[in-house]
Amino acid sequence: MIEVRKVNKTYSMGKEIVKALDDVSLRINAGDFVAIVGPSGSGKSTLMNLIGGLDTPTEGQIFVDGKDISHYKDKEMSKYRNEKIGFVFQSFNLENTLTALENVMMPLIFAGVKEKTRKEKALKALELVDLMDKTKNRPMEMSGGQRQRVSIARALVNDPHIVFADEPTGNLDSKNGKAIMELLHELNKKGYTIVMVTHNMEQAKQAARIVSICDGRTREVNRDEI
């Protein structure tokens, strides 16, 4: 369970102070599928980065499974990200010189997992996203949809509680985008908590909950509002 309590996030832009998040409170239960929507610069990615442990709030608290991660030190935050969080990015963020299997194994190397176990877990994750026939292929030898599946497998390889998907279909055509959304729904049915940042309103409507963010403030909305 994720609980964001009265979180503010400000940045210094020269002499100007920019408020990216303004007194945000939000609760996401285990097993939720939440879409976060809003215009560019509204604070969507900032909110995801704070919950995902890529940044810390200026003010307020963020609890994940009852623990306040708001001011974790670097070592604690790395452990939190490695054990609790899986990230899926619009641009895939794959190493072009590595095979699909090697890309998926990367988080396990950082976690100090032994080689045999790394391979077993990576193969299991690739099987989950239906890519067992592409284990030896490098990213440039795969379609955009296949590369995003590799990215999702990498996000799942450490058995995270929460999967953050930042514009997961943004670089895909409609067919591959639909397939990735179907995969996210399948993962959600298996018990993964999915938090998706998106500009795609039709895909947002497929989530169980929709949270709109504008000028750093959030509110929950109904499907018929977007």
Protein backbone atom coordinates (compact mmCIF):
# COMPACT_ATOMS: atom_id res chain seq x y z
CA MET A 1 0.00 0.00 0.00
CA ILE A 2 1.22 3.50 -0.91
CA GLU A 3 0.22 6.58 1.05
CA VAL A 4 1.34 10.06 0.02
CA ARG A 5 0.73 12.62 2.77
CA LYS A 6 0.76 16.37 2.09
CA VAL A 7 3.76 16.17 -0.23
CA ASN A 8 5.35 19.26 -1.74
CA LYS A 9 8.22 19.28 -4.22
CA THR A 10 10.02 22.44 -5.27
CA TYR A 11 12.96 23.03 -7.59
CA SER A 12 15.25 26.02 -8.01
CA MET A 13 15.42 27.29 -11.59
CA GLY A 14 18.01 30.05 -11.27
CA LYS A 15 16.36 32.64 -9.05
CA GLU A 16 12.91 31.16 -9.59
CA ILE A 17 11.35 28.52 -7.33
CA VAL A 18 9.14 26.06 -9.21
CA LYS A 19 6.53 24.09 -7.26
CA ALA A 20 6.18 20.75 -9.05
CA LEU A 21 3.84 19.23 -6.44
CA ASP A 22 1.54 21.22 -4.18
CA ASP A 23 0.23 19.56 -0.99
CA VAL A 24 -0.46 16.21 -2.67
CA SER A 25 -2.16 13.42 -0.74
CA LEU A 26 -2.91 10.09 -2.41
CA ARG A 27 -3.57 6.50 -1.40
CA ILE A 28 -2.90 3.51 -3.69
CA ASN A 29 -3.88 0.09 -2.38
CA ALA A 30 -2.05 -3.14 -3.12
CA GLY A 31 -3.34 -4.60 -6.39
CA ASP A 32 -4.62 -1.28 -7.76
CA PHE A 33 -4.24 -0.25 -11.39
CA VAL A 34 -3.98 3.55 -11.32
CA ALA A 35 -3.54 5.87 -14.30
CA ILE A 36 -2.03 9.29 -13.59
CA VAL A 37 -2.97 11.81 -16.27
CA GLY A 38 -2.34 15.48 -16.92
CA PRO A 39 -0.62 17.91 -19.30
CA SER A 40 3.15 18.10 -19.76
CA GLY A 41 4.78 19.76 -16.78
CA SER A 42 1.83 19.06 -14.49
CA GLY A 43 3.85 16.95 -12.03
CA LYS A 44 3.01 13.41 -13.20
CA SER A 45 6.57 12.18 -13.54
CA THR A 46 7.64 14.04 -10.40
CA LEU A 47 5.01 12.17 -8.40
CA MET A 48 6.08 8.84 -9.91
CA ASN A 49 9.74 9.56 -9.21
CA LEU A 50 9.02 10.36 -5.57
CA ILE A 51 7.00 7.21 -4.95
CA GLY A 52 9.52 5.19 -6.94
CA GLY A 53 12.44 6.37 -4.86
CA LEU A 54 14.20 8.32 -7.62
CA ASP A 55 13.76 11.59 -5.72
CA THR A 56 12.69 12.82 -2.27
CA PRO A 57 9.97 15.32 -1.31
CA THR A 58 10.70 18.84 -0.12
CA GLU A 59 7.95 18.45 2.46
CA GLY A 60 5.52 15.69 3.45
CA GLN A 61 5.77 11.93 3.80
CA ILE A 62 5.49 8.89 1.55
CA PHE A 63 4.68 5.54 3.13
CA VAL A 64 5.08 2.26 1.26
CA ASP A 65 3.94 -0.88 3.08
CA GLY A 66 3.91 1.11 6.31
CA LYS A 67 7.48 2.45 6.01
CA ASP A 68 8.26 6.13 5.51
CA ILE A 69 10.63 6.33 2.53
CA SER A 70 10.56 10.13 2.37
CA HIS A 71 14.08 10.70 3.64
CA TYR A 72 15.82 7.40 3.04
CA LYS A 73 19.57 7.64 2.58
CA ASP A 74 21.08 6.50 -0.74
CA LYS A 75 21.75 2.94 0.43
CA GLU A 76 18.26 2.52 1.87
CA MET A 77 16.67 4.00 -1.25
CA SER A 78 18.64 1.71 -3.57
CA LYS A 79 17.50 -1.29 -1.53
CA TYR A 80 13.89 -0.06 -1.66
CA ARG A 81 13.97 0.42 -5.46
CA ASN A 82 15.63 -2.95 -6.00
CA GLU A 83 13.21 -4.90 -3.83
CA LYS A 84 9.89 -3.09 -4.21
CA ILE A 85 9.83 -1.26 -7.53
CA GLY A 86 9.91 -2.13 -11.22
CA PHE A 87 10.21 0.66 -13.81
CA VAL A 88 8.96 0.60 -17.41
CA PHE A 89 9.98 3.59 -19.55
CA GLN A 90 8.69 5.03 -22.82
CA SER A 91 12.16 4.83 -24.38
CA PHE A 92 12.76 1.23 -23.19
CA ASN A 93 16.23 2.10 -21.73
CA LEU A 94 17.78 -1.14 -22.96
CA GLU A 95 21.49 -1.73 -23.60
CA ASN A 96 21.83 -2.25 -27.36
CA THR A 97 25.00 -4.36 -26.99
CA LEU A 98 23.27 -6.89 -24.72
CA THR A 99 20.80 -9.65 -25.56
CA ALA A 100 17.26 -9.64 -24.20
CA LEU A 101 18.30 -12.15 -21.55
CA GLU A 102 21.32 -10.08 -20.52
CA ASN A 103 19.23 -6.89 -20.32
CA VAL A 104 16.71 -8.57 -18.04
CA MET A 105 19.50 -9.94 -15.84
CA MET A 106 21.01 -6.48 -15.20
CA PRO A 107 19.04 -5.59 -12.02
CA LEU A 108 20.01 -8.97 -10.55
CA ILE A 109 23.69 -8.26 -11.13
CA PHE A 110 23.33 -5.02 -9.17
CA ALA A 111 21.50 -6.96 -6.45
CA GLY A 112 24.39 -9.43 -6.15
CA VAL A 113 22.37 -12.48 -7.25
CA LYS A 114 24.44 -15.49 -8.29
CA GLU A 115 24.76 -16.15 -12.02
CA LYS A 116 22.74 -19.36 -12.13
CA THR A 117 19.86 -17.78 -10.22
CA ARG A 118 20.08 -14.64 -12.37
CA LYS A 119 19.57 -16.65 -15.52
CA GLU A 120 16.71 -18.69 -14.05
CA LYS A 121 14.85 -15.59 -12.85
CA ALA A 122 15.45 -13.70 -16.13
CA LEU A 123 14.15 -16.61 -18.20
CA LYS A 124 11.07 -16.80 -15.99
CA ALA A 125 10.43 -13.07 -16.49
CA LEU A 126 10.83 -13.37 -20.28
CA GLU A 127 8.44 -16.31 -20.28
CA LEU A 128 5.92 -14.16 -18.41
CA VAL A 129 5.97 -11.61 -21.26
CA ASP A 130 5.97 -14.32 -23.97
CA LEU A 131 9.49 -13.67 -25.30
CA MET A 132 11.23 -17.01 -24.83
CA ASP A 133 12.02 -17.07 -28.56
CA LYS A 134 13.92 -13.76 -28.35
CA THR A 135 16.30 -14.42 -25.44
CA LYS A 136 19.42 -14.16 -27.64
CA ASN A 137 18.24 -11.20 -29.72
CA ARG A 138 19.61 -7.71 -29.15
CA PRO A 139 17.23 -4.73 -28.99
CA MET A 140 17.90 -3.59 -32.57
CA GLU A 141 16.83 -7.05 -33.77
CA MET A 142 13.39 -6.69 -32.19
CA SER A 143 10.26 -4.64 -32.82
CA GLY A 144 9.26 -1.76 -30.56
CA GLY A 145 6.62 -3.91 -28.90
CA GLN A 146 9.13 -6.69 -28.24
CA ARG A 147 11.62 -4.21 -26.80
CA GLN A 148 8.96 -2.90 -24.44
CA ARG A 149 8.23 -6.46 -23.37
CA VAL A 150 11.92 -6.90 -22.56
CA SER A 151 11.70 -3.69 -20.53
CA ILE A 152 8.69 -5.08 -18.65
CA ALA A 153 10.48 -8.39 -18.03
CA ARG A 154 13.43 -6.46 -16.60
CA ALA A 155 11.01 -4.54 -14.34
CA LEU A 156 9.56 -7.82 -13.06
CA VAL A 157 12.75 -9.82 -12.58
CA ASN A 158 13.22 -8.82 -8.93
CA ASP A 159 9.59 -9.69 -8.07
CA PRO A 160 8.61 -6.09 -7.22
CA HIS A 161 5.42 -5.12 -5.41
CA ILE A 162 4.81 -2.10 -7.63
CA VAL A 163 5.32 -1.53 -11.36
CA PHE A 164 5.62 2.08 -12.56
CA ALA A 165 4.95 2.49 -16.27
CA ASP A 166 5.88 5.94 -17.62
CA GLU A 167 4.16 6.40 -21.02
CA PRO A 168 4.67 2.66 -21.73
CA THR A 169 3.06 2.84 -25.20
CA GLY A 170 4.34 6.27 -26.19
CA ASN A 171 6.84 4.93 -28.74
CA LEU A 172 4.60 2.19 -30.11
CA ASP A 173 2.03 1.91 -32.88
CA SER A 174 -1.58 1.20 -31.95
CA LYS A 175 -1.30 -2.58 -32.37
CA ASN A 176 1.76 -2.91 -30.15
CA GLY A 177 0.33 -0.36 -27.72
CA LYS A 178 -2.79 -2.45 -27.32
CA ALA A 179 -0.69 -5.57 -26.71
CA ILE A 180 1.34 -3.82 -23.99
CA MET A 181 -1.84 -2.60 -22.28
CA GLU A 182 -3.21 -6.15 -22.33
CA LEU A 183 0.03 -7.36 -20.75
CA LEU A 184 -0.18 -4.73 -18.00
CA HIS A 185 -3.74 -5.85 -17.26
CA GLU A 186 -2.61 -9.48 -17.08
CA LEU A 187 0.13 -8.53 -14.63
CA ASN A 188 -2.40 -6.61 -12.55
CA LYS A 189 -4.61 -9.71 -12.41
CA LYS A 190 -1.61 -11.65 -11.11
CA GLY A 191 -1.41 -9.23 -8.17
CA TYR A 192 1.02 -6.55 -9.30
CA THR A 193 0.17 -2.96 -8.37
CA ILE A 194 0.37 -0.90 -11.58
CA VAL A 195 0.88 2.87 -11.60
CA MET A 196 0.82 4.20 -15.16
CA VAL A 197 1.64 7.75 -16.24
CA THR A 198 0.03 8.50 -19.60
CA HIS A 199 -1.19 11.14 -22.02
CA ASN A 200 -3.42 8.56 -23.71
CA MET A 201 -6.92 9.13 -22.34
CA GLU A 202 -8.36 5.98 -23.91
CA GLN A 203 -5.73 3.86 -22.19
CA ALA A 204 -6.23 5.77 -18.93
CA LYS A 205 -9.90 4.78 -19.01
CA GLN A 206 -8.84 1.12 -18.93
CA ALA A 207 -7.33 1.56 -15.46
CA ALA A 208 -9.35 0.84 -12.33
CA ARG A 209 -8.69 4.37 -11.07
CA ILE A 210 -7.75 7.64 -12.74
CA VAL A 211 -5.89 10.42 -10.92
CA SER A 212 -5.62 13.77 -12.68
CA ILE A 213 -2.80 16.16 -11.86
CA CYS A 214 -2.68 19.82 -12.84
CA ASP A 215 -0.36 22.54 -11.52
CA GLY A 216 1.02 20.07 -9.01
CA ARG A 217 -2.36 19.20 -7.46
CA THR A 218 -4.14 15.86 -7.75
CA ARG A 219 -7.75 14.77 -7.80
CA GLU A 220 -9.46 11.49 -8.58
CA VAL A 221 -11.72 11.62 -11.64
CA ASN A 222 -14.41 9.50 -13.24
CA ARG A 223 -14.04 8.07 -16.73
CA ASP A 224 -16.76 10.29 -18.12
CA GLU A 225 -14.77 13.39 -17.08
CA ILE A 226 -11.96 12.71 -19.57
